[in-house]
Amino acid sequence: MCGCAPPRLASPRAAAGTAGFQVAAKWAATGQSPDTVVVVNGDEGDPGSFADRLLMERDPARVLEGLALACFACGARQAVVLVRSEYPRAVARMREAVDRASEDGHFGVAVHDSGVTLDVEVARGAGSYAAGEETALIASLEGSRGCARPRPPYPANRGLRDAPMVVNNVETLAAVPWIVAHGGAAYARRGAPGEPGTKLVCLSERFARPGCYEVELGTPVERIVTELGGGLRGDVDLAVLQIGGPLGGFPSPRPARPGSSTTSPRSSSGSRSAPTTSTTVRGCATPRPPPACPPPSGSPAAPTPSTTSSGPTACSW
C-alpha cells in the first residue's frame, strides 16, 4: 500500500456485484473521503449458493488483500466484513485472518510505517435475506431492523454511521489481487466482448459433479451443465434448470437444430451463456423410461461423450 497509486482496473465489470454495478464507479463515487467505510458483503443468502463461503473459509487472506486494495483505492480507513450468521466457520476464519494481518502490520495504525491507518472488523449478519440490499445492510449493521430505505441519500454519500460507504461482495474483492498483479488488460481478455472476466458458478447436488466452478463469462450453460457438472445424477434426463436462486429464471432445453444431436439450455431471454450475476444452478429431472430391449451384445450402453480442447477453463473448489 505504501508509495503506490490506487489500483486501476481496466475492466472492473468482471468484479461487479450482484447488481452488476461497475466496481470502479463505486470506488470513485466516494470522492476519496477518508471517512469512507468499505463493507464486504458476505451475507450470502441465495439458496444453494456457497461461493462466498468457500472463499472466506479457504482463502480469507485473499479476500482481505482485495479489501485492503479497495480501501486504498477509496481512501478509506475503516472496513467491515459482514459474514452470514449461518457460516460460523467462515466467521472464525475471517476473524483469525484479520488478527493475523494486524499482527503482521497489514492492518491497524500506521500500516508498515506508511502513515496509513486501516481498521477492519468482522460482523455477523442478521440472518435476513433482505439485509443483503445496501440500505437494509446499513440498518442491520447499525443495530436496527434490516429493511430497505428510500433513496436518496445514496450509501456512497451517506451510508454506515452517516459516512460514505462502498459495498463489494466477497467474489468481487477476491478477484482484485489477481487483476492488480497481472493488469486489467490481461483480465479483460478473459470472458466475452462487453462482458469480460470470470464468474463462480455453484452446481447443486443434483449434478453428477456438484461443486463451485470458475468459468469465463460467455461460457455456454450447456458446457457448464454437461462438461463440468457431468449432467444429472442417475438415469434421468434434464427437464429444466433454475439459475440464481429465488429471483432466478427457469431456462429449459431448446429443441435440437436440424442436423444437430445435442440440446442446450436456453434462458427465458434467449441467452445461452453463463449468467453474470447469479451463481446457483439447480437441475430438475424427468425419469428416463426403461429401454424396450437391452443393447446388443458388444455395444456400449450409452454413447461416450466427446471431448474437445476448446472447453472452458474451470477451477473446481
C-alpha atoms as a PDB file:
ATOM      1  CA  MET A   1       0.000   0.000   0.000  1.00  0.00           C
ATOM      2  CA  CYS A   2       2.847   2.366   0.722  1.00  0.00           C
ATOM      3  CA  GLY A   3       4.009   4.575  -2.144  1.00  0.00           C
ATOM      4  CA  CYS A   4       1.648   3.097  -4.734  1.00  0.00           C
ATOM      5  CA  ALA A   5      -1.020   4.702  -6.871  1.00  0.00           C
ATOM      6  CA  PRO A   6      -4.589   3.496  -6.393  1.00  0.00           C
ATOM      7  CA  PRO A   7      -5.107   0.311  -8.423  1.00  0.00           C
ATOM      8  CA  ARG A   8      -6.670   0.749 -11.841  1.00  0.00           C
ATOM      9  CA  LEU A   9      -8.971  -1.960 -13.136  1.00  0.00           C
ATOM     10  CA  ALA A  10      -9.189  -1.867 -16.915  1.00  0.00           C
ATOM     11  CA  SER A  11     -12.392  -3.831 -16.780  1.00  0.00           C
ATOM     12  CA  PRO A  12     -13.881  -3.878 -13.293  1.00  0.00           C
ATOM     13  CA  ARG A  13     -17.147  -5.205 -14.701  1.00  0.00           C
ATOM     14  CA  ALA A  14     -15.682  -8.644 -14.129  1.00  0.00           C
ATOM     15  CA  ALA A  15     -15.713  -7.932 -10.424  1.00  0.00           C
ATOM     16  CA  ALA A  16     -19.178  -6.411 -10.445  1.00  0.00           C
ATOM     17  CA  GLY A  17     -21.504  -7.211  -7.599  1.00  0.00           C
ATOM     18  CA  THR A  18     -24.921  -8.820  -7.595  1.00  0.00           C
ATOM     19  CA  ALA A  19     -26.499  -5.758  -9.193  1.00  0.00           C
ATOM     20  CA  GLY A  20     -23.867  -5.707 -11.938  1.00  0.00           C
ATOM     21  CA  PHE A  21     -22.656  -2.219 -10.947  1.00  0.00           C
ATOM     22  CA  GLN A  22     -19.104  -1.411 -12.005  1.00  0.00           C
ATOM     23  CA  VAL A  23     -16.586  -1.507  -9.209  1.00  0.00           C
ATOM     24  CA  ALA A  24     -14.544   1.481 -10.389  1.00  0.00           C
ATOM     25  CA  ALA A  25     -17.676   3.640 -10.419  1.00  0.00           C
ATOM     26  CA  LYS A  26     -18.476   2.580  -6.845  1.00  0.00           C
ATOM     27  CA  TRP A  27     -14.990   3.393  -5.650  1.00  0.00           C
ATOM     28  CA  ALA A  28     -14.930   6.768  -7.377  1.00  0.00           C
ATOM     29  CA  ALA A  29     -18.345   7.786  -6.035  1.00  0.00           C
ATOM     30  CA  THR A  30     -16.985   8.303  -2.519  1.00  0.00           C
ATOM     31  CA  GLY A  31     -14.655  11.084  -3.670  1.00  0.00           C
ATOM     32  CA  GLN A  32     -11.636   9.643  -1.809  1.00  0.00           C
ATOM     33  CA  SER A  33     -13.125  10.721   1.522  1.00  0.00           C
ATOM     34  CA  PRO A  34     -11.050   9.417   4.446  1.00  0.00           C
ATOM     35  CA  ASP A  35     -14.305   8.798   6.318  1.00  0.00           C
ATOM     36  CA  THR A  36     -15.337   6.173   3.749  1.00  0.00           C
ATOM     37  CA  VAL A  37     -16.258   2.744   5.081  1.00  0.00           C
ATOM     38  CA  VAL A  38     -15.770  -0.298   2.821  1.00  0.00           C
ATOM     39  CA  VAL A  39     -18.117  -3.202   3.585  1.00  0.00           C
ATOM     40  CA  VAL A  40     -17.508  -6.749   2.400  1.00  0.00           C
ATOM     41  CA  ASN A  41     -20.913  -8.306   1.833  1.00  0.00           C
ATOM     42  CA  GLY A  42     -20.502 -11.951   2.772  1.00  0.00           C
ATOM     43  CA  ASP A  43     -24.150 -12.325   3.801  1.00  0.00           C
ATOM     44  CA  GLU A  44     -24.731 -14.906   1.070  1.00  0.00           C
ATOM     45  CA  GLY A  45     -28.449 -15.638   1.057  1.00  0.00           C
ATOM     46  CA  ASP A  46     -29.366 -17.327  -2.238  1.00  0.00           C
ATOM     47  CA  PRO A  47     -30.339 -20.962  -1.562  1.00  0.00           C
ATOM     48  CA  GLY A  48     -27.702 -23.336  -2.841  1.00  0.00           C
ATOM     49  CA  SER A  49     -25.025 -20.673  -3.321  1.00  0.00           C
ATOM     50  CA  PHE A  50     -21.781 -21.247  -1.448  1.00  0.00           C
ATOM     51  CA  ALA A  51     -19.069 -19.444  -3.447  1.00  0.00           C
ATOM     52  CA  ASP A  52     -18.566 -16.711  -0.845  1.00  0.00           C
ATOM     53  CA  ARG A  53     -18.432 -19.272   1.951  1.00  0.00           C
ATOM     54  CA  LEU A  54     -15.705 -21.232   0.170  1.00  0.00           C
ATOM     55  CA  LEU A  55     -13.616 -18.113  -0.422  1.00  0.00           C
ATOM     56  CA  MET A  56     -13.919 -16.943   3.184  1.00  0.00           C
ATOM     57  CA  GLU A  57     -13.210 -20.387   4.636  1.00  0.00           C
ATOM     58  CA  ARG A  58     -10.412 -21.496   2.314  1.00  0.00           C
ATOM     59  CA  ASP A  59      -8.684 -18.272   1.286  1.00  0.00           C
ATOM     60  CA  PRO A  60      -9.571 -15.493   3.729  1.00  0.00           C
ATOM     61  CA  ALA A  61      -6.209 -13.763   3.170  1.00  0.00           C
ATOM     62  CA  ARG A  62      -7.060 -13.268  -0.498  1.00  0.00           C
ATOM     63  CA  VAL A  63     -10.371 -11.652   0.414  1.00  0.00           C
ATOM     64  CA  LEU A  64      -8.656  -9.351   2.890  1.00  0.00           C
ATOM     65  CA  GLU A  65      -5.976  -8.424   0.360  1.00  0.00           C
ATOM     66  CA  GLY A  66      -8.710  -7.364  -2.048  1.00  0.00           C
ATOM     67  CA  LEU A  67     -10.365  -5.438   0.774  1.00  0.00           C
ATOM     68  CA  ALA A  68      -7.130  -3.589   1.568  1.00  0.00           C
ATOM     69  CA  LEU A  69      -6.715  -2.641  -2.095  1.00  0.00           C
ATOM     70  CA  ALA A  70     -10.303  -1.423  -2.225  1.00  0.00           C
ATOM     71  CA  CYS A  71      -9.760   0.713   0.884  1.00  0.00           C
ATOM     72  CA  PHE A  72      -6.589   2.144  -0.625  1.00  0.00           C
ATOM     73  CA  ALA A  73      -8.403   2.989  -3.855  1.00  0.00           C
ATOM     74  CA  CYS A  74     -11.233   4.681  -1.940  1.00  0.00           C
ATOM     75  CA  GLY A  75      -9.043   6.379   0.623  1.00  0.00           C
ATOM     76  CA  ALA A  76     -10.946   4.508   3.330  1.00  0.00           C
ATOM     77  CA  ARG A  77      -9.627   3.964   6.836  1.00  0.00           C
ATOM     78  CA  GLN A  78     -12.391   1.680   8.075  1.00  0.00           C
ATOM     79  CA  ALA A  79     -13.742  -1.628   6.794  1.00  0.00           C
ATOM     80  CA  VAL A  80     -16.335  -4.159   7.910  1.00  0.00           C
ATOM     81  CA  VAL A  81     -16.513  -7.789   6.816  1.00  0.00           C
ATOM     82  CA  LEU A  82     -20.132  -8.910   7.079  1.00  0.00           C
ATOM     83  CA  VAL A  83     -20.455 -12.711   7.224  1.00  0.00           C
ATOM     84  CA  ARG A  84     -23.692 -14.678   7.099  1.00  0.00           C
ATOM     85  CA  SER A  85     -24.687 -15.789  10.591  1.00  0.00           C
ATOM     86  CA  GLU A  86     -25.194 -19.362   9.354  1.00  0.00           C
ATOM     87  CA  TYR A  87     -21.475 -19.528   8.425  1.00  0.00           C
ATOM     88  CA  PRO A  88     -19.768 -19.952  11.843  1.00  0.00           C
ATOM     89  CA  ARG A  89     -16.625 -21.426  10.314  1.00  0.00           C
ATOM     90  CA  ALA A  90     -16.332 -18.539   7.851  1.00  0.00           C
ATOM     91  CA  VAL A  91     -16.779 -16.064  10.718  1.00  0.00           C
ATOM     92  CA  ALA A  92     -13.982 -17.770  12.664  1.00  0.00           C
ATOM     93  CA  ARG A  93     -11.642 -17.964   9.653  1.00  0.00           C
ATOM     94  CA  MET A  94     -12.147 -14.314   8.756  1.00  0.00           C
ATOM     95  CA  ARG A  95     -11.533 -13.186  12.345  1.00  0.00           C
ATOM     96  CA  GLU A  96      -8.389 -15.287  12.548  1.00  0.00           C
ATOM     97  CA  ALA A  97      -7.172 -13.814   9.255  1.00  0.00           C
ATOM     98  CA  VAL A  98      -7.858 -10.241  10.430  1.00  0.00           C
ATOM     99  CA  ASP A  99      -5.974 -10.862  13.687  1.00  0.00           C
ATOM    100  CA  ARG A 100      -3.047 -12.370  11.793  1.00  0.00           C
ATOM    101  CA  ALA A 101      -2.944  -9.477   9.319  1.00  0.00           C
ATOM    102  CA  SER A 102      -2.994  -6.993  12.197  1.00  0.00           C
ATOM    103  CA  GLU A 103      -0.117  -8.799  13.933  1.00  0.00           C
ATOM    104  CA  ASP A 104       1.860  -8.720  10.666  1.00  0.00           C
ATOM    105  CA  GLY A 105       1.308  -4.983  10.365  1.00  0.00           C
ATOM    106  CA  HIS A 106      -1.071  -5.039   7.389  1.00  0.00           C
ATOM    107  CA  PHE A 107      -3.949  -3.511   9.380  1.00  0.00           C
ATOM    108  CA  GLY A 108      -4.030  -1.036  12.225  1.00  0.00           C
ATOM    109  CA  VAL A 109      -2.381   2.317  12.874  1.00  0.00           C
ATOM    110  CA  ALA A 110       0.455   3.414  10.566  1.00  0.00           C
ATOM    111  CA  VAL A 111       0.400   0.330   8.351  1.00  0.00           C
ATOM    112  CA  HIS A 112       4.031  -0.619   7.657  1.00  0.00           C
ATOM    113  CA  ASP A 113       5.118   2.823   8.917  1.00  0.00           C
ATOM    114  CA  SER A 114       3.310   4.461   5.991  1.00  0.00           C
ATOM    115  CA  GLY A 115       1.045   6.770   7.940  1.00  0.00           C
ATOM    116  CA  VAL A 116      -1.975   4.890   6.561  1.00  0.00           C
ATOM    117  CA  THR A 117      -4.488   3.639   9.123  1.00  0.00           C
ATOM    118  CA  LEU A 118      -6.889   0.800   8.364  1.00  0.00           C
ATOM    119  CA  ASP A 119      -9.210  -0.735  10.944  1.00  0.00           C
ATOM    120  CA  VAL A 120     -11.046  -3.924   9.949  1.00  0.00           C
ATOM    121  CA  GLU A 121     -13.794  -5.624  11.936  1.00  0.00           C
ATOM    122  CA  VAL A 122     -15.797  -8.792  11.295  1.00  0.00           C
ATOM    123  CA  ALA A 123     -19.554  -8.732  11.948  1.00  0.00           C
ATOM    124  CA  ARG A 124     -22.207 -11.430  11.802  1.00  0.00           C
ATOM    125  CA  GLY A 125     -25.203 -10.990   9.522  1.00  0.00           C
ATOM    126  CA  ALA A 126     -28.720 -10.653  10.864  1.00  0.00           C
ATOM    127  CA  GLY A 127     -29.936 -13.842   9.195  1.00  0.00           C
ATOM    128  CA  SER A 128     -32.192 -11.962   6.792  1.00  0.00           C
ATOM    129  CA  TYR A 129     -32.195 -12.410   3.016  1.00  0.00           C
ATOM    130  CA  ALA A 130     -33.454  -8.831   2.578  1.00  0.00           C
ATOM    131  CA  ALA A 131     -30.490  -7.455   4.542  1.00  0.00           C
ATOM    132  CA  GLY A 132     -28.251  -8.095   1.538  1.00  0.00           C
ATOM    133  CA  GLU A 133     -29.602  -4.891  -0.046  1.00  0.00           C
ATOM    134  CA  GLU A 134     -27.281  -1.968   0.665  1.00  0.00           C
ATOM    135  CA  THR A 135     -29.596   0.257   2.692  1.00  0.00           C
ATOM    136  CA  ALA A 136     -31.002  -2.729   4.601  1.00  0.00           C
ATOM    137  CA  LEU A 137     -27.444  -3.835   5.269  1.00  0.00           C
ATOM    138  CA  ILE A 138     -26.705  -0.415   6.760  1.00  0.00           C
ATOM    139  CA  ALA A 139     -29.695  -0.647   9.087  1.00  0.00           C
ATOM    140  CA  SER A 140     -28.645  -4.151  10.161  1.00  0.00           C
ATOM    141  CA  LEU A 141     -25.060  -3.102  10.952  1.00  0.00           C
ATOM    142  CA  GLU A 142     -26.367  -0.137  12.937  1.00  0.00           C
ATOM    143  CA  GLY A 143     -28.453  -2.464  15.105  1.00  0.00           C
ATOM    144  CA  SER A 144     -31.829  -1.722  13.513  1.00  0.00           C
ATOM    145  CA  ARG A 145     -34.190  -3.982  11.606  1.00  0.00           C
ATOM    146  CA  GLY A 146     -32.714  -4.859   8.212  1.00  0.00           C
ATOM    147  CA  CYS A 147     -35.229  -3.115   5.965  1.00  0.00           C
ATOM    148  CA  ALA A 148     -34.525  -1.220   2.768  1.00  0.00           C
ATOM    149  CA  ARG A 149     -34.670   2.566   2.911  1.00  0.00           C
ATOM    150  CA  PRO A 150     -35.716   5.009   0.203  1.00  0.00           C
ATOM    151  CA  ARG A 151     -33.010   6.728  -1.821  1.00  0.00           C
ATOM    152  CA  PRO A 152     -31.587   9.404  -1.838  1.00  0.00           C
ATOM    153  CA  PRO A 153     -29.464   9.690   0.197  1.00  0.00           C
ATOM    154  CA  TYR A 154     -27.300   7.131  -1.522  1.00  0.00           C
ATOM    155  CA  PRO A 155     -24.866   4.984   0.502  1.00  0.00           C
ATOM    156  CA  ALA A 156     -21.908   6.417  -1.426  1.00  0.00           C
ATOM    157  CA  ASN A 157     -22.746   9.789   0.113  1.00  0.00           C
ATOM    158  CA  ARG A 158     -24.309   8.801   3.429  1.00  0.00           C
ATOM    159  CA  GLY A 159     -24.088   5.186   4.415  1.00  0.00           C
ATOM    160  CA  LEU A 160     -22.968   3.371   7.535  1.00  0.00           C
ATOM    161  CA  ARG A 161     -22.905   5.773  10.505  1.00  0.00           C
ATOM    162  CA  ASP A 162     -23.704   8.570   8.029  1.00  0.00           C
ATOM    163  CA  ALA A 163     -20.273   8.155   6.400  1.00  0.00           C
ATOM    164  CA  PRO A 164     -19.652   7.478   2.681  1.00  0.00           C
ATOM    165  CA  MET A 165     -19.845   3.732   2.100  1.00  0.00           C
ATOM    166  CA  VAL A 166     -18.820   1.215  -0.535  1.00  0.00           C
ATOM    167  CA  VAL A 167     -20.251  -2.307  -0.564  1.00  0.00           C
ATOM    168  CA  ASN A 168     -18.476  -5.054  -2.506  1.00  0.00           C
ATOM    169  CA  ASN A 169     -19.211  -8.756  -2.354  1.00  0.00           C
ATOM    170  CA  VAL A 170     -16.656 -11.402  -1.457  1.00  0.00           C
ATOM    171  CA  GLU A 171     -16.162 -12.662  -5.002  1.00  0.00           C
ATOM    172  CA  THR A 172     -15.525  -9.120  -6.218  1.00  0.00           C
ATOM    173  CA  LEU A 173     -12.727  -8.446  -3.760  1.00  0.00           C
ATOM    174  CA  ALA A 174     -11.185 -11.891  -4.206  1.00  0.00           C
ATOM    175  CA  ALA A 175     -10.664 -11.051  -7.894  1.00  0.00           C
ATOM    176  CA  VAL A 176      -8.928  -7.710  -7.265  1.00  0.00           C
ATOM    177  CA  PRO A 177      -5.455  -9.024  -6.236  1.00  0.00           C
ATOM    178  CA  TRP A 178      -5.144 -11.044  -9.453  1.00  0.00           C
ATOM    179  CA  ILE A 179      -6.184  -8.042 -11.552  1.00  0.00           C
ATOM    180  CA  VAL A 180      -3.661  -5.766  -9.827  1.00  0.00           C
ATOM    181  CA  ALA A 181      -0.867  -8.354 -10.148  1.00  0.00           C
ATOM    182  CA  HIS A 182      -1.471  -9.192 -13.822  1.00  0.00           C
ATOM    183  CA  GLY A 183      -3.041  -5.995 -15.104  1.00  0.00           C
ATOM    184  CA  GLY A 184      -6.564  -5.088 -16.104  1.00  0.00           C
ATOM    185  CA  ALA A 185      -5.846  -5.788 -19.767  1.00  0.00           C
ATOM    186  CA  ALA A 186      -4.981  -9.414 -19.002  1.00  0.00           C
ATOM    187  CA  TYR A 187      -8.212  -9.834 -17.081  1.00  0.00           C
ATOM    188  CA  ALA A 188     -10.234  -8.126 -19.807  1.00  0.00           C
ATOM    189  CA  ARG A 189      -9.008 -10.701 -22.324  1.00  0.00           C
ATOM    190  CA  ARG A 190     -10.962 -13.355 -20.450  1.00  0.00           C
ATOM    191  CA  GLY A 191     -14.682 -13.671 -20.983  1.00  0.00           C
ATOM    192  CA  ALA A 192     -16.873 -12.331 -23.771  1.00  0.00           C
ATOM    193  CA  PRO A 193     -16.880  -8.993 -25.631  1.00  0.00           C
ATOM    194  CA  GLY A 194     -18.605  -6.445 -23.431  1.00  0.00           C
ATOM    195  CA  GLU A 195     -18.665  -8.933 -20.524  1.00  0.00           C
ATOM    196  CA  PRO A 196     -15.023  -9.659 -19.646  1.00  0.00           C
ATOM    197  CA  GLY A 197     -13.901 -11.651 -16.651  1.00  0.00           C
ATOM    198  CA  THR A 198     -14.888 -14.804 -14.828  1.00  0.00           C
ATOM    199  CA  LYS A 199     -17.702 -15.964 -12.570  1.00  0.00           C
ATOM    200  CA  LEU A 200     -18.017 -18.564  -9.846  1.00  0.00           C
ATOM    201  CA  VAL A 201     -20.874 -20.951 -10.587  1.00  0.00           C
ATOM    202  CA  CYS A 202     -22.275 -23.319  -7.949  1.00  0.00           C
ATOM    203  CA  LEU A 203     -23.825 -26.574  -9.147  1.00  0.00           C
ATOM    204  CA  SER A 204     -26.266 -28.260  -6.783  1.00  0.00           C
ATOM    205  CA  GLU A 205     -26.245 -31.833  -5.534  1.00  0.00           C
ATOM    206  CA  ARG A 206     -28.481 -32.966  -8.396  1.00  0.00           C
ATOM    207  CA  PHE A 207     -25.493 -32.901 -10.749  1.00  0.00           C
ATOM    208  CA  ALA A 208     -23.045 -35.763 -11.150  1.00  0.00           C
ATOM    209  CA  ARG A 209     -20.149 -33.445 -10.222  1.00  0.00           C
ATOM    210  CA  PRO A 210     -21.582 -30.781  -7.880  1.00  0.00           C
ATOM    211  CA  GLY A 211     -19.316 -28.015  -6.699  1.00  0.00           C
ATOM    212  CA  CYS A 212     -18.109 -24.485  -7.334  1.00  0.00           C
ATOM    213  CA  TYR A 213     -16.516 -23.781 -10.725  1.00  0.00           C
ATOM    214  CA  GLU A 214     -14.861 -20.660 -12.082  1.00  0.00           C
ATOM    215  CA  VAL A 215     -15.821 -20.072 -15.705  1.00  0.00           C
ATOM    216  CA  GLU A 216     -15.299 -17.218 -18.123  1.00  0.00           C
ATOM    217  CA  LEU A 217     -18.313 -15.044 -18.771  1.00  0.00           C
ATOM    218  CA  GLY A 218     -19.919 -16.116 -22.017  1.00  0.00           C
ATOM    219  CA  THR A 219     -19.395 -19.823 -21.319  1.00  0.00           C
ATOM    220  CA  PRO A 220     -22.481 -21.646 -22.678  1.00  0.00           C
ATOM    221  CA  VAL A 221     -24.748 -23.058 -19.996  1.00  0.00           C
ATOM    222  CA  GLU A 222     -24.671 -26.363 -21.869  1.00  0.00           C
ATOM    223  CA  ARG A 223     -20.921 -26.695 -21.196  1.00  0.00           C
ATOM    224  CA  ILE A 224     -21.409 -25.873 -17.517  1.00  0.00           C
ATOM    225  CA  VAL A 225     -24.175 -28.461 -17.185  1.00  0.00           C
ATOM    226  CA  THR A 226     -22.715 -31.279 -19.260  1.00  0.00           C
ATOM    227  CA  GLU A 227     -18.922 -30.904 -19.254  1.00  0.00           C
ATOM    228  CA  LEU A 228     -18.356 -29.506 -15.777  1.00  0.00           C
ATOM    229  CA  GLY A 229     -21.399 -30.834 -13.956  1.00  0.00           C
ATOM    230  CA  GLY A 230     -21.450 -34.138 -15.833  1.00  0.00           C
ATOM    231  CA  GLY A 231     -25.221 -33.940 -16.310  1.00  0.00           C
ATOM    232  CA  LEU A 232     -27.674 -35.079 -13.669  1.00  0.00           C
ATOM    233  CA  ARG A 233     -27.228 -37.975 -11.290  1.00  0.00           C
ATOM    234  CA  GLY A 234     -28.998 -41.210 -12.051  1.00  0.00           C
ATOM    235  CA  ASP A 235     -30.720 -42.432 -15.147  1.00  0.00           C
ATOM    236  CA  VAL A 236     -32.673 -39.213 -15.758  1.00  0.00           C
ATOM    237  CA  ASP A 237     -32.900 -36.506 -18.398  1.00  0.00           C
ATOM    238  CA  LEU A 238     -32.636 -32.795 -17.733  1.00  0.00           C
ATOM    239  CA  ALA A 239     -36.043 -31.105 -17.840  1.00  0.00           C
ATOM    240  CA  VAL A 240     -35.383 -27.576 -16.577  1.00  0.00           C
ATOM    241  CA  LEU A 241     -32.700 -25.513 -14.847  1.00  0.00           C
ATOM    242  CA  GLN A 242     -33.109 -22.979 -12.086  1.00  0.00           C
ATOM    243  CA  ILE A 243     -30.396 -20.345 -12.219  1.00  0.00           C
ATOM    244  CA  GLY A 244     -29.788 -17.790  -9.499  1.00  0.00           C
ATOM    245  CA  GLY A 245     -31.936 -18.793  -6.544  1.00  0.00           C
ATOM    246  CA  PRO A 246     -35.437 -17.481  -5.823  1.00  0.00           C
ATOM    247  CA  LEU A 247     -35.085 -14.498  -8.164  1.00  0.00           C
ATOM    248  CA  GLY A 248     -33.546 -16.502 -10.990  1.00  0.00           C
ATOM    249  CA  GLY A 249     -35.042 -17.905 -14.155  1.00  0.00           C
ATOM    250  CA  PHE A 250     -36.016 -21.356 -15.343  1.00  0.00           C
ATOM    251  CA  PRO A 251     -34.378 -21.970 -18.719  1.00  0.00           C
ATOM    252  CA  SER A 252     -35.382 -25.181 -20.441  1.00  0.00           C
ATOM    253  CA  PRO A 253     -33.605 -27.195 -23.133  1.00  0.00           C
ATOM    254  CA  ARG A 254     -34.252 -25.803 -26.574  1.00  0.00           C
ATOM    255  CA  PRO A 255     -35.168 -28.210 -29.383  1.00  0.00           C
ATOM    256  CA  ALA A 256     -32.243 -29.569 -31.307  1.00  0.00           C
ATOM    257  CA  ARG A 257     -31.443 -27.809 -34.557  1.00  0.00           C
ATOM    258  CA  PRO A 258     -31.810 -29.781 -37.791  1.00  0.00           C
ATOM    259  CA  GLY A 259     -28.762 -31.948 -38.181  1.00  0.00           C
ATOM    260  CA  SER A 260     -27.722 -31.499 -34.559  1.00  0.00           C
ATOM    261  CA  SER A 261     -27.746 -34.268 -31.971  1.00  0.00           C
ATOM    262  CA  THR A 262     -27.483 -32.050 -28.906  1.00  0.00           C
ATOM    263  CA  THR A 263     -29.699 -29.732 -26.973  1.00  0.00           C
ATOM    264  CA  SER A 264     -28.641 -26.786 -24.855  1.00  0.00           C
ATOM    265  CA  PRO A 265     -30.445 -25.000 -22.055  1.00  0.00           C
ATOM    266  CA  ARG A 266     -31.751 -21.608 -23.104  1.00  0.00           C
ATOM    267  CA  SER A 267     -32.809 -18.853 -20.730  1.00  0.00           C
ATOM    268  CA  SER A 268     -36.130 -17.066 -20.941  1.00  0.00           C
ATOM    269  CA  SER A 269     -34.392 -14.113 -22.590  1.00  0.00           C
ATOM    270  CA  GLY A 270     -32.840 -16.298 -25.267  1.00  0.00           C
ATOM    271  CA  SER A 271     -29.317 -16.132 -23.852  1.00  0.00           C
ATOM    272  CA  ARG A 272     -27.371 -19.350 -23.559  1.00  0.00           C
ATOM    273  CA  SER A 273     -24.231 -18.142 -21.809  1.00  0.00           C
ATOM    274  CA  ALA A 274     -23.103 -18.135 -18.208  1.00  0.00           C
ATOM    275  CA  PRO A 275     -25.028 -15.685 -16.023  1.00  0.00           C
ATOM    276  CA  THR A 276     -23.127 -12.546 -14.994  1.00  0.00           C
ATOM    277  CA  THR A 277     -24.648 -12.156 -11.532  1.00  0.00           C
ATOM    278  CA  SER A 278     -26.314 -15.412 -10.498  1.00  0.00           C
ATOM    279  CA  THR A 279     -24.224 -18.299  -9.277  1.00  0.00           C
ATOM    280  CA  THR A 280     -26.508 -21.149  -8.271  1.00  0.00           C
ATOM    281  CA  VAL A 281     -27.568 -23.726 -10.856  1.00  0.00           C
ATOM    282  CA  ARG A 282     -30.106 -26.404  -9.953  1.00  0.00           C
ATOM    283  CA  GLY A 283     -31.310 -29.150 -12.255  1.00  0.00           C
ATOM    284  CA  CYS A 284     -34.753 -30.740 -12.310  1.00  0.00           C
ATOM    285  CA  ALA A 285     -35.109 -34.182 -13.813  1.00  0.00           C
ATOM    286  CA  THR A 286     -37.672 -36.291 -15.579  1.00  0.00           C
ATOM    287  CA  PRO A 287     -37.286 -40.074 -15.185  1.00  0.00           C
ATOM    288  CA  ARG A 288     -35.882 -41.750 -18.252  1.00  0.00           C
ATOM    289  CA  PRO A 289     -38.161 -44.574 -19.480  1.00  0.00           C
ATOM    290  CA  PRO A 290     -36.617 -48.035 -19.444  1.00  0.00           C
ATOM    291  CA  PRO A 291     -35.321 -49.275 -22.804  1.00  0.00           C
ATOM    292  CA  ALA A 292     -37.597 -51.535 -24.791  1.00  0.00           C
ATOM    293  CA  CYS A 293     -34.816 -54.090 -25.058  1.00  0.00           C
ATOM    294  CA  PRO A 294     -31.231 -54.341 -23.821  1.00  0.00           C
ATOM    295  CA  PRO A 295     -28.471 -53.024 -26.106  1.00  0.00           C
ATOM    296  CA  PRO A 296     -26.944 -55.539 -28.483  1.00  0.00           C
ATOM    297  CA  SER A 297     -24.052 -57.581 -27.180  1.00  0.00           C
ATOM    298  CA  GLY A 298     -20.767 -55.786 -27.541  1.00  0.00           C
ATOM    299  CA  SER A 299     -22.266 -52.292 -27.926  1.00  0.00           C
ATOM    300  CA  PRO A 300     -21.966 -49.566 -25.280  1.00  0.00           C
ATOM    301  CA  ALA A 301     -24.953 -48.963 -23.024  1.00  0.00           C
ATOM    302  CA  ALA A 302     -24.661 -45.211 -23.573  1.00  0.00           C
ATOM    303  CA  PRO A 303     -22.777 -43.065 -26.086  1.00  0.00           C
ATOM    304  CA  THR A 304     -19.363 -41.915 -24.945  1.00  0.00           C
ATOM    305  CA  PRO A 305     -19.245 -38.120 -24.675  1.00  0.00           C
ATOM    306  CA  SER A 306     -16.728 -36.489 -26.943  1.00  0.00           C
ATOM    307  CA  THR A 307     -14.079 -34.183 -25.547  1.00  0.00           C
ATOM    308  CA  THR A 308     -12.572 -31.130 -27.169  1.00  0.00           C
ATOM    309  CA  SER A 309      -9.714 -28.810 -26.307  1.00  0.00           C
ATOM    310  CA  SER A 310     -11.969 -25.763 -26.519  1.00  0.00           C
ATOM    311  CA  GLY A 311     -13.810 -26.358 -23.239  1.00  0.00           C
ATOM    312  CA  PRO A 312     -13.993 -23.659 -20.577  1.00  0.00           C
ATOM    313  CA  THR A 313     -11.149 -23.050 -18.203  1.00  0.00           C
ATOM    314  CA  ALA A 314     -12.555 -24.219 -14.895  1.00  0.00           C
ATOM    315  CA  CYS A 315     -11.303 -24.416 -11.349  1.00  0.00           C
ATOM    316  CA  SER A 316     -13.237 -26.757  -9.053  1.00  0.00           C
ATOM    317  CA  TRP A 317     -13.108 -25.894  -5.336  1.00  0.00           C
END
